[in-house]
Amino acid sequence: MLPTVRELQEKYRLSPRTVTTELKGLVAEGLLRTVPRVGIFVADVAASVPDSYVMLVQSGQNVRHRSTTDRVRRGFEERVTELGAASACMDIDRALQLAQEDALPPSSGFFLAMPDRATDLVVLGDAATARVRWASIPMAGDSAMTVVDMVTADHVDGGRVATRNLWMRGHRRIAFLGLHTPADEQPGYHWSMLRMQGWLEVMSQHGERTDNLVFLPEEPPPSYERQAEWAAGVADRLLVRRDVTGVVCASQNAARGLVDALRAAEVPMEGWPAMVAFEDGTDRLDAGLTTVRVPCEDIGREAAQILWERRHGRLAGPAVDRRLPMPIIRRVDSSEPWGTLTSHSDASPAAG
């Protein structure tokens, strides 16, 4: 890695423009290469095989266009390429089978794109292999011998952002519609609990009681496809609460369940609560719904960055937990003129 532009300028007593121009020329000649967010390096023209980093996905998962995992993969691949390495995406069970047969190609690091199966991640590679998980729960028994880093969205702050948006719009009785159970025993829905924690913090800051404003299922949804159905069943209890004017929905499917329950109960739209949901980007709800977006591409990029830092000694010591901010996407309220023009259905949910 080369010194910074400032350091080169001071050492050789040159202007910043001269240093920058010369560096650009050397990059164009292939003698140097730039790594965004890292620095400028001497190009290793003799290297024939670059570092490789593997993203592991759920067995049988269809990494299709616009899916959440596919968005993460895109960010991962882009950042790996920027870092001068190569990437691969592999079914985790296939990777374990190849490892057992001693046929898994060498890799500089593995990125596990699911919240569980961390113990499987540990058996891949050797002591020098970097490992990172897309998860919000630390790995049990993590030690300096098997460091497994984490990267995820900051779900707690996302819950704060969603609740503040409704509060600033004048709503005071703001409910939370989640997908985790009161016991929170399902790692796959831990993100719902964290988003509720952010909601609770903001409500408590404003002195609002929250003990009767949480609506959760007794059992977790058995699959992604049935989350809206589960949320609709829970939302039936929410509909009788006429004092609730705003709802933070733990996900797009939770919001869909609430909308389905409102329509099934034939509640007129002027009586619907305002909603803010969380958007993973796989598909969009009706146009009039404000959402807090999961930064999928950034998660993939940060996972690649962590692997590269571990591989090249820029990151050492205990496992790190990097949580990325979740931006809010404010959309025109369905009651406003623009909302009726941009709606894709005959009944859009009220925006936050």
Protein backbone atom coordinates (compact mmCIF):
# COMPACT_ATOMS: atom_id res chain seq x y z
CA MET A 1 0.00 0.00 0.00
CA LEU A 2 1.27 3.46 -0.92
CA PRO A 3 1.41 6.41 1.45
CA THR A 4 -1.47 8.89 1.24
CA VAL A 5 -1.46 11.81 -1.19
CA ARG A 6 -0.70 14.16 1.70
CA GLU A 7 2.24 12.04 2.85
CA LEU A 8 3.68 11.87 -0.69
CA GLN A 9 3.16 15.61 -1.10
CA GLU A 10 5.03 16.42 2.11
CA LYS A 11 7.81 13.89 1.52
CA TYR A 12 8.65 15.06 -2.02
CA ARG A 13 7.48 18.68 -1.61
CA LEU A 14 5.04 18.49 -4.50
CA SER A 15 1.61 20.00 -5.01
CA PRO A 16 -1.47 17.76 -4.46
CA ARG A 17 -2.36 18.18 -8.14
CA THR A 18 1.06 16.85 -9.24
CA VAL A 19 0.87 13.84 -6.91
CA THR A 20 -2.69 13.00 -7.99
CA THR A 21 -1.82 13.31 -11.69
CA GLU A 22 1.21 11.04 -11.38
CA LEU A 23 -0.73 8.44 -9.40
CA LYS A 24 -3.52 8.40 -11.99
CA GLY A 25 -0.95 7.89 -14.72
CA LEU A 26 0.59 4.91 -12.89
CA VAL A 27 -2.86 3.42 -12.36
CA ALA A 28 -3.59 3.79 -16.07
CA GLU A 29 -0.32 1.98 -16.86
CA GLY A 30 -1.33 -0.89 -14.60
CA LEU A 31 1.54 -0.33 -12.16
CA LEU A 32 -0.79 0.74 -9.35
CA ARG A 33 -4.35 -0.21 -8.46
CA THR A 34 -6.89 1.62 -6.33
CA VAL A 35 -9.13 0.00 -3.72
CA PRO A 36 -12.09 2.24 -2.82
CA ARG A 37 -12.29 3.14 0.89
CA VAL A 38 -8.85 1.55 1.42
CA GLY A 39 -6.09 3.17 -0.62
CA ILE A 40 -3.67 2.75 -3.52
CA PHE A 41 -1.54 -0.38 -3.93
CA VAL A 42 1.36 -1.52 -6.05
CA ALA A 43 -0.18 -3.82 -8.67
CA ASP A 44 0.91 -7.42 -8.36
CA VAL A 45 1.25 -8.13 -12.07
CA ALA A 46 2.70 -11.56 -11.35
CA ALA A 47 -0.30 -12.76 -9.39
CA SER A 48 -2.31 -15.23 -11.46
CA VAL A 49 -4.86 -16.36 -8.83
CA PRO A 50 -6.58 -13.65 -6.77
CA ASP A 51 -7.99 -14.13 -3.28
CA SER A 52 -11.40 -15.78 -3.38
CA TYR A 53 -14.33 -15.17 -1.03
CA VAL A 54 -17.39 -17.43 -0.95
CA MET A 55 -20.96 -16.45 -0.05
CA LEU A 56 -22.86 -19.40 1.44
CA VAL A 57 -26.65 -19.48 0.99
CA GLN A 58 -29.50 -21.60 2.30
CA SER A 59 -29.76 -25.04 0.75
CA GLY A 60 -32.18 -25.04 -2.16
CA GLN A 61 -32.58 -21.26 -2.03
CA ASN A 62 -33.34 -19.62 -5.33
CA VAL A 63 -31.05 -16.59 -5.48
CA ARG A 64 -33.29 -14.90 -7.99
CA HIS A 65 -33.51 -11.39 -9.37
CA ARG A 66 -34.65 -8.87 -6.75
CA SER A 67 -34.70 -11.34 -3.84
CA THR A 68 -33.23 -10.13 -0.57
CA THR A 69 -30.36 -12.61 -0.75
CA ASP A 70 -29.67 -11.67 -4.35
CA ARG A 71 -29.41 -7.99 -3.40
CA VAL A 72 -26.92 -8.91 -0.67
CA ARG A 73 -25.00 -11.06 -3.16
CA ARG A 74 -24.76 -8.18 -5.64
CA GLY A 75 -23.22 -5.91 -3.04
CA PHE A 76 -20.86 -8.68 -1.93
CA GLU A 77 -19.66 -9.40 -5.45
CA GLU A 78 -19.19 -5.73 -6.31
CA ARG A 79 -17.06 -5.04 -3.24
CA VAL A 80 -15.00 -8.23 -3.65
CA THR A 81 -14.23 -7.19 -7.22
CA GLU A 82 -13.24 -3.68 -6.11
CA LEU A 83 -10.84 -5.23 -3.62
CA GLY A 84 -9.09 -7.13 -6.42
CA ALA A 85 -10.41 -10.55 -5.41
CA ALA A 86 -12.89 -13.05 -6.86
CA SER A 87 -16.21 -14.28 -5.43
CA ALA A 88 -18.45 -17.33 -5.57
CA CYS A 89 -21.95 -18.15 -4.32
CA MET A 90 -22.49 -21.70 -3.06
CA ASP A 91 -25.16 -23.82 -1.38
CA ILE A 92 -23.93 -24.39 2.18
CA ASP A 93 -24.72 -28.11 2.14
CA ARG A 94 -22.77 -28.50 -1.09
CA ALA A 95 -19.82 -26.67 0.48
CA LEU A 96 -19.92 -28.96 3.53
CA GLN A 97 -20.04 -32.03 1.31
CA LEU A 98 -17.02 -30.88 -0.68
CA ALA A 99 -15.16 -30.05 2.54
CA GLN A 100 -15.86 -33.55 3.88
CA GLU A 101 -14.51 -35.03 0.64
CA ASP A 102 -11.49 -32.71 0.86
CA ALA A 103 -12.51 -31.32 -2.52
CA LEU A 104 -13.46 -27.76 -1.56
CA PRO A 105 -11.22 -25.25 -3.38
CA PRO A 106 -9.17 -23.04 -1.06
CA SER A 107 -10.86 -19.80 -0.05
CA SER A 108 -9.64 -16.73 1.80
CA GLY A 109 -12.98 -16.27 3.54
CA PHE A 110 -16.60 -17.36 3.85
CA PHE A 111 -19.74 -15.21 4.20
CA LEU A 112 -22.71 -17.09 5.68
CA ALA A 113 -25.87 -15.37 4.38
CA MET A 114 -28.29 -16.70 7.01
CA PRO A 115 -28.76 -16.14 10.75
CA ASP A 116 -28.19 -19.74 11.87
CA ARG A 117 -25.83 -22.64 11.05
CA ALA A 118 -22.82 -20.77 12.42
CA THR A 119 -21.29 -24.03 13.63
CA ASP A 120 -21.23 -25.25 10.03
CA LEU A 121 -19.38 -22.11 9.03
CA VAL A 122 -16.60 -22.85 11.52
CA VAL A 123 -15.71 -26.22 9.97
CA LEU A 124 -14.98 -24.67 6.57
CA GLY A 125 -11.44 -23.50 5.89
CA ASP A 126 -8.59 -23.41 8.37
CA ALA A 127 -7.32 -21.16 11.14
CA ALA A 128 -6.32 -18.46 8.64
CA THR A 129 -9.72 -18.36 6.94
CA ALA A 130 -11.85 -15.26 7.57
CA ARG A 131 -15.52 -15.78 8.45
CA VAL A 132 -18.49 -13.44 8.71
CA ARG A 133 -22.22 -14.01 9.28
CA TRP A 134 -25.27 -12.05 8.22
CA ALA A 135 -26.97 -12.22 11.62
CA SER A 136 -28.06 -10.14 14.61
CA ILE A 137 -27.37 -12.74 17.34
CA PRO A 138 -23.73 -13.37 18.37
CA MET A 139 -22.47 -16.89 17.84
CA ALA A 140 -22.56 -19.00 21.00
CA GLY A 141 -19.13 -20.05 22.22
CA ASP A 142 -17.23 -17.67 19.92
CA SER A 143 -13.55 -17.55 20.86
CA ALA A 144 -10.29 -16.12 19.63
CA MET A 145 -9.54 -19.50 18.04
CA THR A 146 -12.59 -19.33 15.75
CA VAL A 147 -13.44 -15.68 15.18
CA VAL A 148 -16.74 -15.20 13.36
CA ASP A 149 -17.61 -11.58 12.62
CA MET A 150 -21.16 -10.31 12.13
CA VAL A 151 -22.82 -7.79 9.85
CA THR A 152 -26.48 -6.82 9.73
CA ALA A 153 -28.85 -3.88 9.60
CA ASP A 154 -29.31 -1.82 12.76
CA HIS A 155 -32.81 -3.12 13.45
CA VAL A 156 -33.14 -1.31 16.77
CA ASP A 157 -32.40 2.05 15.18
CA GLY A 158 -34.77 1.15 12.34
CA GLY A 159 -37.53 0.73 14.91
CA ARG A 160 -36.67 4.15 16.32
CA VAL A 161 -36.73 5.74 12.87
CA ALA A 162 -40.14 4.24 12.04
CA THR A 163 -41.68 5.30 15.36
CA ARG A 164 -40.27 8.82 15.23
CA ASN A 165 -41.73 9.27 11.77
CA LEU A 166 -45.23 8.50 13.07
CA TRP A 167 -44.69 10.62 16.19
CA MET A 168 -43.63 13.63 14.11
CA ARG A 169 -46.81 13.20 12.06
CA GLY A 170 -48.85 13.73 15.23
CA HIS A 171 -49.61 10.12 16.21
CA ARG A 172 -49.41 9.26 19.89
CA ARG A 173 -51.06 5.86 20.34
CA ILE A 174 -48.63 3.93 18.14
CA ALA A 175 -48.86 0.13 18.19
CA PHE A 176 -46.28 -2.46 17.14
CA LEU A 177 -47.30 -5.45 14.99
CA GLY A 178 -44.54 -8.07 15.11
CA LEU A 179 -43.81 -11.56 13.84
CA HIS A 180 -41.73 -12.88 16.75
CA THR A 181 -43.32 -14.60 19.73
CA PRO A 182 -43.36 -13.09 23.24
CA ALA A 183 -40.64 -15.59 24.20
CA ASP A 184 -38.52 -14.65 21.14
CA GLU A 185 -37.23 -18.21 20.78
CA GLN A 186 -36.87 -18.20 16.99
CA PRO A 187 -33.52 -16.85 15.68
CA GLY A 188 -35.15 -16.34 12.29
CA TYR A 189 -37.44 -13.65 13.75
CA HIS A 190 -34.99 -11.99 16.14
CA TRP A 191 -34.98 -8.93 13.87
CA SER A 192 -38.67 -8.38 14.67
CA MET A 193 -37.86 -8.23 18.39
CA LEU A 194 -35.02 -5.77 17.77
CA ARG A 195 -37.31 -3.48 15.73
CA MET A 196 -39.84 -3.62 18.57
CA GLN A 197 -37.06 -2.61 20.97
CA GLY A 198 -36.47 0.57 18.94
CA TRP A 199 -40.22 1.30 18.95
CA LEU A 200 -40.30 0.80 22.72
CA GLU A 201 -37.39 3.18 23.30
CA VAL A 202 -39.04 6.05 21.42
CA MET A 203 -42.43 5.49 23.05
CA SER A 204 -40.78 5.42 26.50
CA GLN A 205 -38.86 8.62 25.75
CA HIS A 206 -42.21 10.36 25.19
CA GLY A 207 -43.77 8.88 28.32
CA GLU A 208 -46.28 6.68 26.47
CA ARG A 209 -47.53 3.43 27.98
CA THR A 210 -46.75 0.45 25.76
CA ASP A 211 -47.88 -2.61 27.71
CA ASN A 212 -51.15 -2.89 25.73
CA LEU A 213 -49.83 -1.75 22.34
CA VAL A 214 -47.79 -4.82 21.36
CA PHE A 215 -49.41 -7.39 19.06
CA LEU A 216 -47.48 -10.64 18.56
CA PRO A 217 -48.35 -14.20 17.46
CA GLU A 218 -48.39 -17.04 19.96
CA GLU A 219 -46.45 -19.18 17.47
CA PRO A 220 -43.97 -17.93 14.83
CA PRO A 221 -45.03 -18.06 11.16
CA PRO A 222 -43.91 -21.40 9.71
CA SER A 223 -42.65 -19.86 6.46
CA TYR A 224 -42.08 -16.57 4.69
CA GLU A 225 -45.11 -17.22 2.48
CA ARG A 226 -47.43 -17.44 5.49
CA GLN A 227 -46.19 -14.38 7.38
CA ALA A 228 -48.98 -12.13 6.07
CA GLU A 229 -51.59 -14.73 7.07
CA TRP A 230 -50.11 -14.93 10.58
CA ALA A 231 -50.01 -11.13 10.89
CA ALA A 232 -53.64 -10.86 9.76
CA GLY A 233 -54.68 -13.18 12.58
CA VAL A 234 -52.81 -11.07 15.11
CA ALA A 235 -54.15 -7.84 13.57
CA ASP A 236 -57.72 -8.89 14.35
CA ARG A 237 -56.99 -7.97 17.96
CA LEU A 238 -55.64 -4.61 16.88
CA LEU A 239 -58.74 -3.59 14.90
CA VAL A 240 -60.88 -3.19 18.00
CA ARG A 241 -58.46 -0.59 19.35
CA ARG A 242 -60.00 2.61 18.08
CA ASP A 243 -57.48 4.67 20.07
CA VAL A 244 -54.57 3.39 17.94
CA THR A 245 -53.84 5.83 15.11
CA GLY A 246 -50.43 4.55 13.99
CA VAL A 247 -48.77 1.13 13.63
CA VAL A 248 -45.13 0.15 13.19
CA CYS A 249 -45.26 -3.11 11.20
CA ALA A 250 -42.24 -5.38 11.64
CA SER A 251 -42.06 -6.20 7.92
CA GLN A 252 -43.79 -5.84 4.57
CA ASN A 253 -45.68 -9.05 5.22
CA ALA A 254 -46.83 -7.81 8.62
CA ALA A 255 -48.20 -4.69 6.89
CA ARG A 256 -49.90 -6.87 4.27
CA GLY A 257 -51.53 -8.88 7.04
CA LEU A 258 -52.82 -5.71 8.68
CA VAL A 259 -54.19 -4.43 5.36
CA ASP A 260 -55.86 -7.80 4.71
CA ALA A 261 -57.49 -7.71 8.16
CA LEU A 262 -58.73 -4.14 7.63
CA ARG A 263 -60.24 -5.04 4.28
CA ALA A 264 -61.80 -8.25 5.59
CA ALA A 265 -63.41 -6.26 8.41
CA GLU A 266 -64.62 -3.71 5.81
CA VAL A 267 -63.06 -0.84 7.74
CA PRO A 268 -63.32 2.30 5.56
CA MET A 269 -59.95 3.73 4.58
CA GLU A 270 -60.54 6.92 6.54
CA GLY A 271 -60.59 4.72 9.63
CA TRP A 272 -57.31 2.94 8.90
CA PRO A 273 -54.30 3.63 11.13
CA ALA A 274 -51.20 5.16 9.56
CA MET A 275 -48.50 2.55 8.98
CA VAL A 276 -44.74 2.37 8.62
CA ALA A 277 -43.28 -0.98 7.55
CA PHE A 278 -39.83 -2.40 6.84
CA GLU A 279 -38.91 -2.97 3.20
CA ASP A 280 -36.40 -5.56 2.03
CA GLY A 281 -36.81 -4.62 -1.62
CA THR A 282 -38.10 -7.94 -2.99
CA ASP A 283 -41.36 -6.30 -3.94
CA ARG A 284 -43.21 -3.17 -2.98
CA LEU A 285 -46.43 -2.58 -1.13
CA ASP A 286 -49.02 -0.15 -2.40
CA ALA A 287 -47.51 3.21 -3.26
CA GLY A 288 -48.79 5.11 -0.24
CA LEU A 289 -46.79 3.36 2.45
CA THR A 290 -43.71 4.83 4.08
CA THR A 291 -41.05 2.19 4.75
CA VAL A 292 -37.71 1.73 6.48
CA ARG A 293 -35.42 -0.02 4.02
CA VAL A 294 -33.07 -2.91 4.78
CA PRO A 295 -29.68 -1.94 3.21
CA CYS A 296 -29.15 -5.32 1.52
CA GLU A 297 -26.44 -4.26 -0.94
CA ASP A 298 -24.54 -2.46 1.83
CA ILE A 299 -24.68 -5.60 4.00
CA GLY A 300 -23.05 -7.61 1.22
CA ARG A 301 -20.42 -4.94 0.63
CA GLU A 302 -19.59 -4.69 4.33
CA ALA A 303 -19.30 -8.48 4.62
CA ALA A 304 -16.73 -8.47 1.82
CA GLN A 305 -14.89 -5.58 3.49
CA ILE A 306 -14.67 -7.48 6.80
CA LEU A 307 -13.33 -10.61 5.10
CA TRP A 308 -10.71 -8.58 3.24
CA GLU A 309 -9.64 -6.77 6.43
CA ARG A 310 -9.24 -10.07 8.30
CA ARG A 311 -7.38 -11.63 5.42
CA HIS A 312 -4.87 -8.76 5.14
CA GLY A 313 -4.37 -8.12 8.84
CA ARG A 314 -6.28 -4.83 8.93
CA LEU A 315 -8.70 -6.38 11.43
CA ALA A 316 -7.51 -8.48 14.34
CA GLY A 317 -8.74 -9.58 17.74
CA PRO A 318 -12.28 -10.45 18.87
CA ALA A 319 -15.22 -10.71 16.51
CA VAL A 320 -16.75 -7.42 15.35
CA ASP A 321 -20.45 -6.64 15.06
CA ARG A 322 -21.12 -4.05 12.34
CA ARG A 323 -24.69 -2.76 12.17
CA LEU A 324 -25.65 -0.58 9.23
CA PRO A 325 -28.22 2.24 9.31
CA MET A 326 -31.64 1.70 7.75
CA PRO A 327 -32.87 4.69 5.70
CA ILE A 328 -36.51 5.74 5.81
CA ILE A 329 -38.33 6.09 2.48
CA ARG A 330 -41.14 8.60 2.93
CA ARG A 331 -43.88 8.23 0.36
CA VAL A 332 -46.80 10.49 -0.44
CA ASP A 333 -49.76 9.84 1.83
CA SER A 334 -52.55 7.92 0.10
CA SER A 335 -54.97 10.64 1.17
CA GLU A 336 -53.06 13.26 -0.82
CA PRO A 337 -53.68 13.90 -4.55
CA TRP A 338 -50.31 12.44 -5.56
CA GLY A 339 -51.09 9.27 -3.62
CA THR A 340 -54.16 8.55 -5.74
CA LEU A 341 -52.18 9.17 -8.92
CA THR A 342 -49.29 6.86 -8.03
CA SER A 343 -51.24 4.03 -6.40
CA HIS A 344 -51.07 0.62 -8.03
CA SER A 345 -54.28 -0.62 -6.42
CA ASP A 346 -57.76 0.62 -5.66
CA ALA A 347 -57.01 0.86 -1.94
CA SER A 348 -53.57 1.88 -0.74
CA PRO A 349 -52.67 1.71 2.94
CA ALA A 350 -52.37 5.01 4.74
CA ALA A 351 -48.78 6.21 4.80
CA GLY A 352 -46.87 7.07 7.93
